[in-house]
Amino acid sequence: MGADAVIAFYGIRLRVPHDDEGAIAGLEARTDPRLVAARKVRLDSWWGRLTDGADYHLLIGKRLGVFGSENDAEKQMTLQELSALAAQTDTLLKDGGFVEIASLVFQLEAHY
């Protein structure tokens, strides 16, 4: 069993209902259309859920880091670097057919 971590992303956060067996199977097999679209435009993705029985989250964009005792302890990025990454990611999201507005996303991954 691993330790808790916080995932830092610039992109979009989508909710996947915990009882949507088809969507979850697609995520597990990496055949979900959103994952396929993200891969085509070279975007990162991450999915999981906070606790057993909770809805899943799907992050699509650019991974900034995974932080925790078993992962990264720190990372630095200038505002200029972040702005450039955000602009590039916004373009790639649009190219991939995503219409959601991107933002900084910090997601706890608790190991239960």
Protein backbone atom coordinates (compact mmCIF):
# COMPACT_ATOMS: atom_id res chain seq x y z
CA MET A 1 0.00 0.00 0.00
CA GLY A 2 1.42 3.38 -1.03
CA ALA A 3 1.40 6.75 0.64
CA ASP A 4 -0.94 9.66 -0.02
CA ALA A 5 0.10 12.04 -2.79
CA VAL A 6 -1.03 15.30 -4.35
CA ILE A 7 -1.16 15.48 -8.14
CA ALA A 8 -0.54 18.93 -9.66
CA PHE A 9 -1.88 19.47 -13.17
CA TYR A 10 -2.64 22.29 -15.53
CA GLY A 11 -5.67 21.23 -17.52
CA ILE A 12 -9.18 20.00 -16.97
CA ARG A 13 -10.76 17.84 -14.29
CA LEU A 14 -13.64 15.61 -15.36
CA ARG A 15 -15.90 13.56 -13.09
CA VAL A 16 -16.57 9.90 -13.88
CA PRO A 17 -19.46 8.40 -11.88
CA HIS A 18 -18.35 5.46 -9.72
CA ASP A 19 -21.18 3.33 -11.14
CA ASP A 20 -20.37 3.97 -14.82
CA GLU A 21 -18.82 0.56 -15.43
CA GLY A 22 -18.29 1.19 -19.15
CA ALA A 23 -16.33 4.40 -18.56
CA ILE A 24 -14.25 2.84 -15.79
CA ALA A 25 -13.46 -0.18 -17.98
CA GLY A 26 -12.38 2.24 -20.72
CA LEU A 27 -10.10 4.08 -18.31
CA GLU A 28 -8.56 0.82 -17.12
CA ALA A 29 -8.01 -0.39 -20.70
CA ARG A 30 -6.88 3.12 -21.77
CA THR A 31 -9.50 3.04 -24.53
CA ASP A 32 -11.72 5.77 -23.10
CA PRO A 33 -12.27 8.31 -25.93
CA ARG A 34 -11.00 11.15 -23.72
CA LEU A 35 -7.74 9.30 -23.04
CA VAL A 36 -7.36 8.48 -26.73
CA ALA A 37 -7.96 12.14 -27.70
CA ALA A 38 -5.45 13.32 -25.07
CA ARG A 39 -2.78 10.89 -26.30
CA LYS A 40 -3.29 11.99 -29.93
CA VAL A 41 -2.32 15.57 -29.06
CA ARG A 42 0.35 14.52 -26.53
CA LEU A 43 -1.42 15.59 -23.36
CA ASP A 44 -0.92 13.87 -20.02
CA SER A 45 -3.76 12.18 -18.16
CA TRP A 46 -4.36 10.86 -14.67
CA TRP A 47 -7.37 9.18 -13.17
CA GLY A 48 -8.32 7.84 -9.79
CA ARG A 49 -10.67 8.42 -6.89
CA LEU A 50 -10.34 9.78 -3.40
CA THR A 51 -12.01 6.93 -1.52
CA ASP A 52 -13.73 3.64 -2.18
CA GLY A 53 -17.24 4.34 -3.45
CA ALA A 54 -16.46 7.92 -4.54
CA ASP A 55 -16.72 9.13 -8.11
CA TYR A 56 -13.55 8.98 -10.18
CA HIS A 57 -11.67 12.02 -11.44
CA LEU A 58 -9.97 12.25 -14.81
CA LEU A 59 -7.30 14.92 -15.28
CA ILE A 60 -6.21 15.86 -18.79
CA GLY A 61 -3.55 18.43 -19.59
CA LYS A 62 0.05 18.70 -18.44
CA ARG A 63 1.25 17.07 -15.25
CA LEU A 64 3.24 19.48 -13.12
CA GLY A 65 4.22 16.92 -10.50
CA VAL A 66 3.19 14.26 -8.03
CA PHE A 67 4.06 15.26 -4.49
CA GLY A 68 4.27 13.16 -1.35
CA SER A 69 6.58 11.07 0.77
CA GLU A 70 6.99 8.45 -2.00
CA ASN A 71 7.06 10.98 -4.86
CA ASP A 72 8.44 14.44 -5.59
CA ALA A 73 9.26 16.57 -2.57
CA GLU A 74 9.49 19.84 -4.46
CA LYS A 75 9.44 21.51 -7.85
CA GLN A 76 9.99 25.04 -9.06
CA MET A 77 8.52 26.73 -12.10
CA THR A 78 8.70 30.39 -13.00
CA LEU A 79 5.55 32.29 -13.86
CA GLN A 80 6.93 32.67 -17.38
CA GLU A 81 7.38 28.88 -17.69
CA LEU A 82 3.90 28.25 -16.29
CA SER A 83 2.36 30.82 -18.66
CA ALA A 84 4.04 29.20 -21.67
CA LEU A 85 2.95 25.73 -20.55
CA ALA A 86 -0.61 26.98 -20.01
CA ALA A 87 -0.79 28.56 -23.46
CA GLN A 88 0.56 25.41 -25.12
CA THR A 89 -1.80 23.19 -23.11
CA ASP A 90 -4.83 25.37 -23.94
CA THR A 91 -4.03 24.95 -27.64
CA LEU A 92 -3.56 21.19 -27.31
CA LEU A 93 -6.81 20.80 -25.37
CA LYS A 94 -8.65 22.65 -28.13
CA ASP A 95 -6.89 20.52 -30.78
CA GLY A 96 -8.01 17.41 -28.89
CA GLY A 97 -11.65 18.52 -28.94
CA PHE A 98 -11.89 19.48 -25.27
CA VAL A 99 -14.13 22.51 -24.60
CA GLU A 100 -13.70 22.80 -20.82
CA ILE A 101 -11.73 25.74 -19.42
CA ALA A 102 -8.31 24.68 -18.12
CA SER A 103 -7.07 25.58 -14.65
CA LEU A 104 -4.49 24.59 -12.09
CA VAL A 105 -5.69 21.38 -10.48
CA PHE A 106 -4.36 19.95 -7.23
CA GLN A 107 -5.83 16.52 -6.52
CA LEU A 108 -5.28 14.46 -3.39
CA GLU A 109 -4.73 10.76 -4.04
CA ALA A 110 -5.39 9.10 -0.70
CA HIS A 111 -4.49 5.46 -0.32
CA TYR A 112 -7.31 3.75 1.51
